[in-house]
N, C-alpha and C. Protein backbone atom coordinates (compact mmCIF):
# COMPACT_ATOMS: atom_id res chain seq x y z
N MET A 1 132.24 101.44 93.15
CA MET A 1 131.60 100.14 93.07
C MET A 1 132.12 99.40 91.86
N SER A 2 132.85 98.35 92.13
CA SER A 2 133.42 97.60 91.02
C SER A 2 132.70 96.28 90.78
N GLY A 3 131.66 96.00 91.53
CA GLY A 3 130.91 94.75 91.39
C GLY A 3 130.04 94.76 90.15
N PRO A 4 129.43 93.62 89.85
CA PRO A 4 128.54 93.55 88.68
C PRO A 4 127.31 94.42 88.88
N SER A 5 126.79 94.89 87.78
CA SER A 5 125.61 95.75 87.85
C SER A 5 124.41 94.93 88.31
N PRO A 6 123.43 95.60 88.93
CA PRO A 6 122.25 94.85 89.40
C PRO A 6 121.46 94.22 88.27
N ASP A 7 121.60 94.74 87.05
CA ASP A 7 120.86 94.19 85.92
C ASP A 7 121.53 92.99 85.28
N ALA A 8 122.79 92.76 85.63
CA ALA A 8 123.51 91.63 85.03
C ALA A 8 122.92 90.33 85.55
N ARG A 9 122.68 89.41 84.64
CA ARG A 9 122.07 88.14 85.02
C ARG A 9 123.12 87.04 85.04
N ASP A 10 123.11 86.26 86.08
CA ASP A 10 123.97 85.10 86.19
C ASP A 10 123.24 83.93 85.55
N SER A 11 123.79 83.37 84.48
CA SER A 11 123.08 82.32 83.75
C SER A 11 122.88 81.07 84.59
N ALA A 12 123.73 80.87 85.60
CA ALA A 12 123.55 79.68 86.44
C ALA A 12 122.35 79.84 87.37
N ARG A 13 122.00 81.08 87.73
CA ARG A 13 120.91 81.31 88.67
C ARG A 13 119.65 81.83 88.00
N ASP A 14 119.72 82.22 86.76
CA ASP A 14 118.57 82.80 86.08
C ASP A 14 117.80 81.70 85.34
N PRO A 15 116.59 81.40 85.79
CA PRO A 15 115.83 80.32 85.13
C PRO A 15 115.45 80.66 83.69
N LEU A 16 115.41 81.95 83.32
CA LEU A 16 115.05 82.32 81.95
C LEU A 16 116.18 82.04 80.96
N ARG A 17 117.34 81.65 81.46
CA ARG A 17 118.45 81.31 80.57
C ARG A 17 118.78 79.83 80.62
N SER A 18 117.91 79.02 81.19
CA SER A 18 118.19 77.59 81.32
C SER A 18 118.08 76.89 79.96
N ALA A 19 118.85 75.84 79.82
CA ALA A 19 118.85 75.07 78.57
C ALA A 19 117.49 74.44 78.28
N PRO A 20 116.80 73.85 79.28
CA PRO A 20 115.49 73.28 78.97
C PRO A 20 114.49 74.32 78.46
N LEU A 21 114.54 75.53 79.01
CA LEU A 21 113.62 76.57 78.54
C LEU A 21 113.95 76.96 77.10
N LYS A 22 115.22 77.09 76.80
CA LYS A 22 115.62 77.42 75.43
C LYS A 22 115.22 76.30 74.46
N ALA A 23 115.38 75.05 74.90
CA ALA A 23 114.97 73.92 74.05
C ALA A 23 113.46 73.93 73.82
N LEU A 24 112.71 74.23 74.88
CA LEU A 24 111.24 74.31 74.76
C LEU A 24 110.84 75.39 73.77
N VAL A 25 111.42 76.57 73.92
CA VAL A 25 111.09 77.67 73.01
C VAL A 25 111.51 77.32 71.58
N GLY A 26 112.66 76.67 71.44
CA GLY A 26 113.11 76.25 70.10
C GLY A 26 112.13 75.28 69.45
N LEU A 27 111.67 74.30 70.22
CA LEU A 27 110.69 73.35 69.67
C LEU A 27 109.38 74.03 69.31
N LEU A 28 108.94 74.96 70.16
CA LEU A 28 107.70 75.69 69.86
C LEU A 28 107.85 76.51 68.59
N LEU A 29 109.02 77.14 68.41
CA LEU A 29 109.24 77.92 67.19
C LEU A 29 109.33 77.04 65.95
N VAL A 30 109.93 75.87 66.09
CA VAL A 30 109.98 74.92 64.96
C VAL A 30 108.56 74.48 64.59
N GLU A 31 107.74 74.21 65.61
CA GLU A 31 106.34 73.85 65.34
C GLU A 31 105.61 75.01 64.66
N ALA A 32 105.86 76.24 65.09
CA ALA A 32 105.21 77.41 64.48
C ALA A 32 105.64 77.58 63.03
N VAL A 33 106.91 77.37 62.74
CA VAL A 33 107.40 77.48 61.36
C VAL A 33 106.78 76.37 60.50
N ALA A 34 106.70 75.16 61.04
CA ALA A 34 106.08 74.06 60.29
C ALA A 34 104.61 74.36 60.02
N LEU A 35 103.93 74.93 61.00
CA LEU A 35 102.52 75.28 60.83
C LEU A 35 102.37 76.41 59.81
N ALA A 36 103.32 77.34 59.80
CA ALA A 36 103.29 78.40 58.79
C ALA A 36 103.48 77.81 57.39
N GLY A 37 104.36 76.82 57.28
CA GLY A 37 104.55 76.14 56.00
C GLY A 37 103.28 75.42 55.56
N LEU A 38 102.61 74.78 56.50
CA LEU A 38 101.34 74.12 56.18
C LEU A 38 100.30 75.14 55.73
N THR A 39 100.26 76.28 56.41
CA THR A 39 99.31 77.33 56.02
C THR A 39 99.60 77.82 54.60
N ALA A 40 100.87 78.03 54.29
CA ALA A 40 101.25 78.46 52.94
C ALA A 40 100.87 77.39 51.90
N PHE A 41 101.08 76.12 52.25
CA PHE A 41 100.71 75.04 51.34
C PHE A 41 99.21 75.01 51.10
N LEU A 42 98.43 75.17 52.17
CA LEU A 42 96.97 75.19 52.03
C LEU A 42 96.51 76.36 51.17
N LEU A 43 97.12 77.51 51.37
CA LEU A 43 96.78 78.67 50.54
C LEU A 43 97.14 78.42 49.08
N PHE A 44 98.30 77.81 48.85
CA PHE A 44 98.70 77.46 47.48
C PHE A 44 97.71 76.50 46.85
N GLU A 45 97.26 75.52 47.62
CA GLU A 45 96.29 74.55 47.11
C GLU A 45 94.95 75.21 46.75
N ILE A 46 94.52 76.18 47.56
CA ILE A 46 93.28 76.88 47.25
C ILE A 46 93.41 77.63 45.93
N LEU A 47 94.58 78.24 45.71
CA LEU A 47 94.77 79.06 44.52
C LEU A 47 95.02 78.25 43.25
N THR A 48 95.54 77.03 43.39
CA THR A 48 95.91 76.27 42.20
C THR A 48 95.00 75.08 41.90
N ASP A 49 94.16 74.70 42.85
CA ASP A 49 93.31 73.53 42.67
C ASP A 49 91.87 73.91 42.96
N VAL A 50 90.96 73.10 42.51
CA VAL A 50 89.54 73.35 42.77
C VAL A 50 89.11 72.45 43.92
N PRO A 51 88.88 73.04 45.10
CA PRO A 51 88.46 72.20 46.23
C PRO A 51 86.99 71.80 46.10
N ASP A 52 86.60 70.76 46.82
CA ASP A 52 85.20 70.34 46.84
C ASP A 52 84.34 71.44 47.46
N SER A 53 84.88 72.13 48.44
CA SER A 53 84.16 73.21 49.10
C SER A 53 85.14 74.35 49.39
N TYR A 54 84.91 75.47 48.73
CA TYR A 54 85.78 76.63 48.98
C TYR A 54 85.64 77.12 50.42
N ALA A 55 84.44 77.07 50.96
CA ALA A 55 84.23 77.53 52.34
C ALA A 55 85.05 76.70 53.33
N ALA A 56 85.04 75.38 53.15
CA ALA A 56 85.81 74.51 54.05
C ALA A 56 87.30 74.73 53.87
N ALA A 57 87.75 74.86 52.63
CA ALA A 57 89.18 75.07 52.35
C ALA A 57 89.67 76.38 52.95
N ILE A 58 88.90 77.43 52.78
CA ILE A 58 89.28 78.73 53.34
C ILE A 58 89.22 78.68 54.87
N GLY A 59 88.21 78.02 55.40
CA GLY A 59 88.08 77.91 56.86
C GLY A 59 89.27 77.19 57.48
N ILE A 60 89.69 76.07 56.89
CA ILE A 60 90.84 75.33 57.41
C ILE A 60 92.11 76.15 57.29
N THR A 61 92.26 76.87 56.20
CA THR A 61 93.45 77.71 56.01
C THR A 61 93.48 78.85 57.03
N VAL A 62 92.34 79.47 57.29
CA VAL A 62 92.28 80.54 58.29
C VAL A 62 92.58 79.99 59.68
N LEU A 63 92.04 78.82 60.01
CA LEU A 63 92.33 78.20 61.30
C LEU A 63 93.82 77.88 61.45
N ALA A 64 94.44 77.39 60.38
CA ALA A 64 95.87 77.10 60.42
C ALA A 64 96.68 78.39 60.62
N ALA A 65 96.26 79.47 59.98
CA ALA A 65 96.95 80.76 60.15
C ALA A 65 96.80 81.29 61.58
N ILE A 66 95.62 81.16 62.14
CA ILE A 66 95.40 81.59 63.53
C ILE A 66 96.24 80.75 64.49
N ALA A 67 96.30 79.44 64.26
CA ALA A 67 97.10 78.56 65.11
C ALA A 67 98.59 78.91 65.00
N THR A 68 99.04 79.27 63.81
CA THR A 68 100.43 79.68 63.63
C THR A 68 100.74 80.93 64.43
N LEU A 69 99.87 81.91 64.34
CA LEU A 69 100.05 83.15 65.10
C LEU A 69 100.02 82.89 66.59
N TRP A 70 99.06 82.08 67.05
CA TRP A 70 98.93 81.80 68.47
C TRP A 70 100.15 81.04 69.00
N LEU A 71 100.65 80.07 68.25
CA LEU A 71 101.83 79.31 68.68
C LEU A 71 103.06 80.21 68.74
N SER A 72 103.16 81.15 67.83
CA SER A 72 104.27 82.11 67.86
C SER A 72 104.19 83.00 69.10
N ILE A 73 103.00 83.45 69.43
CA ILE A 73 102.79 84.28 70.63
C ILE A 73 103.14 83.48 71.88
N ILE A 74 102.75 82.22 71.91
CA ILE A 74 103.06 81.37 73.05
C ILE A 74 104.57 81.23 73.21
N ALA A 75 105.28 80.98 72.11
CA ALA A 75 106.73 80.79 72.18
C ALA A 75 107.43 82.04 72.70
N ILE A 76 107.03 83.19 72.21
CA ILE A 76 107.65 84.45 72.64
C ILE A 76 107.39 84.70 74.11
N ASN A 77 106.17 84.47 74.56
CA ASN A 77 105.84 84.72 75.96
C ASN A 77 106.39 83.64 76.89
N THR A 78 106.71 82.47 76.36
CA THR A 78 107.40 81.46 77.16
C THR A 78 108.80 81.96 77.49
N LEU A 79 109.44 82.57 76.52
CA LEU A 79 110.78 83.13 76.74
C LEU A 79 110.74 84.27 77.74
N ARG A 80 109.63 84.95 77.84
CA ARG A 80 109.47 86.03 78.81
C ARG A 80 109.12 85.53 80.20
N GLY A 81 108.76 84.26 80.31
CA GLY A 81 108.53 83.65 81.61
C GLY A 81 107.13 83.78 82.18
N PHE A 82 106.14 84.03 81.35
CA PHE A 82 104.77 84.16 81.85
C PHE A 82 104.18 82.79 82.21
N ALA A 83 103.43 82.76 83.29
CA ALA A 83 102.84 81.50 83.77
C ALA A 83 101.70 81.01 82.90
N TRP A 84 100.96 81.91 82.25
CA TRP A 84 99.79 81.51 81.48
C TRP A 84 100.15 80.64 80.28
N VAL A 85 101.41 80.66 79.86
CA VAL A 85 101.78 79.89 78.67
C VAL A 85 101.72 78.39 78.91
N ARG A 86 101.84 77.97 80.16
CA ARG A 86 101.83 76.53 80.43
C ARG A 86 100.51 75.90 80.00
N GLY A 87 99.39 76.52 80.33
CA GLY A 87 98.09 76.00 79.92
C GLY A 87 97.92 76.03 78.41
N ALA A 88 98.40 77.10 77.78
CA ALA A 88 98.30 77.21 76.33
C ALA A 88 99.15 76.16 75.63
N ILE A 89 100.34 75.91 76.18
CA ILE A 89 101.23 74.89 75.59
C ILE A 89 100.61 73.51 75.73
N VAL A 90 100.07 73.20 76.91
CA VAL A 90 99.44 71.89 77.12
C VAL A 90 98.29 71.71 76.13
N THR A 91 97.47 72.73 75.96
CA THR A 91 96.34 72.65 75.04
C THR A 91 96.80 72.38 73.62
N MET A 92 97.80 73.14 73.15
CA MET A 92 98.29 72.95 71.78
C MET A 92 98.87 71.55 71.58
N GLN A 93 99.61 71.07 72.59
CA GLN A 93 100.26 69.77 72.44
C GLN A 93 99.26 68.62 72.53
N VAL A 94 98.23 68.77 73.35
CA VAL A 94 97.19 67.73 73.42
C VAL A 94 96.44 67.65 72.08
N LEU A 95 96.16 68.80 71.50
CA LEU A 95 95.53 68.80 70.17
C LEU A 95 96.44 68.14 69.13
N GLN A 96 97.73 68.43 69.23
CA GLN A 96 98.70 67.83 68.31
C GLN A 96 98.78 66.32 68.53
N LEU A 97 98.74 65.89 69.78
CA LEU A 97 98.72 64.45 70.07
C LEU A 97 97.49 63.78 69.49
N ALA A 98 96.35 64.44 69.56
CA ALA A 98 95.11 63.87 69.01
C ALA A 98 95.22 63.68 67.50
N VAL A 99 95.78 64.67 66.83
CA VAL A 99 95.96 64.54 65.38
C VAL A 99 96.97 63.44 65.06
N ALA A 100 98.02 63.35 65.88
CA ALA A 100 99.04 62.31 65.67
C ALA A 100 98.43 60.92 65.82
N ILE A 101 97.64 60.72 66.86
CA ILE A 101 97.02 59.41 67.08
C ILE A 101 96.06 59.09 65.94
N GLY A 102 95.33 60.09 65.47
CA GLY A 102 94.45 59.89 64.32
C GLY A 102 95.21 59.55 63.06
N SER A 103 96.45 60.02 62.94
CA SER A 103 97.26 59.74 61.75
C SER A 103 97.73 58.29 61.70
N PHE A 104 97.73 57.61 62.84
CA PHE A 104 98.18 56.22 62.88
C PHE A 104 97.08 55.23 62.50
N GLN A 105 95.85 55.67 62.40
CA GLN A 105 94.75 54.73 62.19
C GLN A 105 93.84 55.19 61.07
N GLY A 106 93.00 54.30 60.62
CA GLY A 106 92.02 54.63 59.61
C GLY A 106 92.44 54.20 58.23
N LEU A 107 91.56 54.49 57.28
CA LEU A 107 91.78 54.09 55.89
C LEU A 107 92.96 54.83 55.27
N PHE A 108 93.14 56.09 55.62
CA PHE A 108 94.21 56.89 55.05
C PHE A 108 95.31 57.14 56.08
N ALA A 109 95.68 56.12 56.84
CA ALA A 109 96.68 56.25 57.89
C ALA A 109 98.03 56.66 57.30
N ARG A 110 98.66 57.61 57.96
CA ARG A 110 100.01 58.08 57.57
C ARG A 110 100.88 58.04 58.81
N THR A 111 101.58 56.94 59.01
CA THR A 111 102.40 56.81 60.21
C THR A 111 103.56 57.80 60.23
N ASP A 112 104.06 58.18 59.06
CA ASP A 112 105.15 59.16 59.02
C ASP A 112 104.70 60.50 59.60
N ILE A 113 103.53 60.95 59.22
CA ILE A 113 102.99 62.20 59.76
C ILE A 113 102.68 62.03 61.24
N GLY A 114 102.17 60.87 61.61
CA GLY A 114 101.89 60.60 63.02
C GLY A 114 103.13 60.75 63.89
N TRP A 115 104.24 60.16 63.45
CA TRP A 115 105.47 60.27 64.23
C TRP A 115 106.02 61.69 64.23
N LEU A 116 105.89 62.40 63.10
CA LEU A 116 106.35 63.79 63.04
C LEU A 116 105.56 64.70 63.98
N LEU A 117 104.35 64.34 64.28
CA LEU A 117 103.54 65.12 65.22
C LEU A 117 103.70 64.63 66.66
N LEU A 118 103.84 63.32 66.83
CA LEU A 118 103.87 62.74 68.17
C LEU A 118 105.17 63.05 68.92
N VAL A 119 106.31 62.88 68.27
CA VAL A 119 107.59 63.05 68.95
C VAL A 119 107.79 64.47 69.50
N PRO A 120 107.57 65.52 68.70
CA PRO A 120 107.76 66.86 69.27
C PRO A 120 106.75 67.20 70.36
N ALA A 121 105.53 66.70 70.23
CA ALA A 121 104.51 66.98 71.25
C ALA A 121 104.90 66.38 72.59
N VAL A 122 105.39 65.14 72.57
CA VAL A 122 105.82 64.50 73.81
C VAL A 122 107.06 65.21 74.38
N ALA A 123 107.99 65.60 73.50
CA ALA A 123 109.19 66.31 73.96
C ALA A 123 108.83 67.65 74.59
N VAL A 124 107.91 68.38 73.97
CA VAL A 124 107.48 69.68 74.52
C VAL A 124 106.83 69.49 75.88
N LEU A 125 105.96 68.49 76.00
CA LEU A 125 105.30 68.25 77.29
C LEU A 125 106.31 67.84 78.36
N ALA A 126 107.29 67.02 77.99
CA ALA A 126 108.32 66.62 78.96
C ALA A 126 109.14 67.83 79.40
N LEU A 127 109.52 68.68 78.46
CA LEU A 127 110.28 69.88 78.82
C LEU A 127 109.44 70.84 79.64
N LEU A 128 108.17 70.96 79.30
CA LEU A 128 107.29 71.91 79.97
C LEU A 128 107.19 71.62 81.46
N PHE A 129 107.17 70.34 81.83
CA PHE A 129 107.00 69.99 83.23
C PHE A 129 108.32 69.71 83.94
N SER A 130 109.43 70.08 83.31
CA SER A 130 110.71 69.95 84.00
C SER A 130 110.85 71.08 85.02
N ARG A 131 111.64 70.83 86.03
CA ARG A 131 111.80 71.79 87.13
C ARG A 131 112.32 73.16 86.65
N PRO A 132 113.34 73.23 85.77
CA PRO A 132 113.81 74.56 85.34
C PRO A 132 112.77 75.35 84.57
N VAL A 133 111.98 74.67 83.74
CA VAL A 133 110.96 75.38 82.96
C VAL A 133 109.82 75.84 83.88
N MET A 134 109.45 75.00 84.83
CA MET A 134 108.40 75.42 85.78
C MET A 134 108.86 76.64 86.57
N ALA A 135 110.13 76.67 86.95
CA ALA A 135 110.66 77.83 87.68
C ALA A 135 110.71 79.07 86.79
N ALA A 136 111.05 78.86 85.53
CA ALA A 136 111.18 80.00 84.61
C ALA A 136 109.84 80.58 84.21
N THR A 137 108.80 79.77 84.23
CA THR A 137 107.48 80.25 83.81
C THR A 137 106.57 80.47 85.01
N ALA A 138 107.09 81.12 86.00
CA ALA A 138 106.33 81.38 87.22
C ALA A 138 105.88 82.82 87.33
N ARG A 139 106.21 83.63 86.35
CA ARG A 139 105.90 85.07 86.40
C ARG A 139 104.40 85.31 86.19
N ARG A 140 103.82 86.06 87.05
CA ARG A 140 102.38 86.38 86.96
C ARG A 140 102.22 87.86 86.66
N GLY A 141 101.20 88.20 85.88
CA GLY A 141 100.87 89.60 85.61
C GLY A 141 101.87 90.30 84.71
N ASP A 142 102.01 91.62 84.95
CA ASP A 142 102.90 92.48 84.15
C ASP A 142 102.35 92.65 82.78
């Protein structure tokens, strides 16, 4: 038998090797790294500054750490092709969109932060609902 092995994957036919899926996972990992940086910054602020409420500061830092871990798990399992990641990705991006919209308005509006949150969230949602990514994330169970 001189043919290719049954385990060899043809990148043209394998949805787990598609460019949109790789771009989606890359964006999710960039978001996770940015969130890890925010978590580190919040921890640094707790240690070097006196917050108005230590309980609130620690709570926000713990939530940021949990979100970082969860986003990392989502990115890894997206690469594995699990179907459940689609709902998790939509949830994370909708929350990110809400924070972005809030950043554009109010007394302490920061449009730069708003755009930094809005653009990747829209890109992730667009990639998530593309045909190659939907095909790649169709795996159930296992």
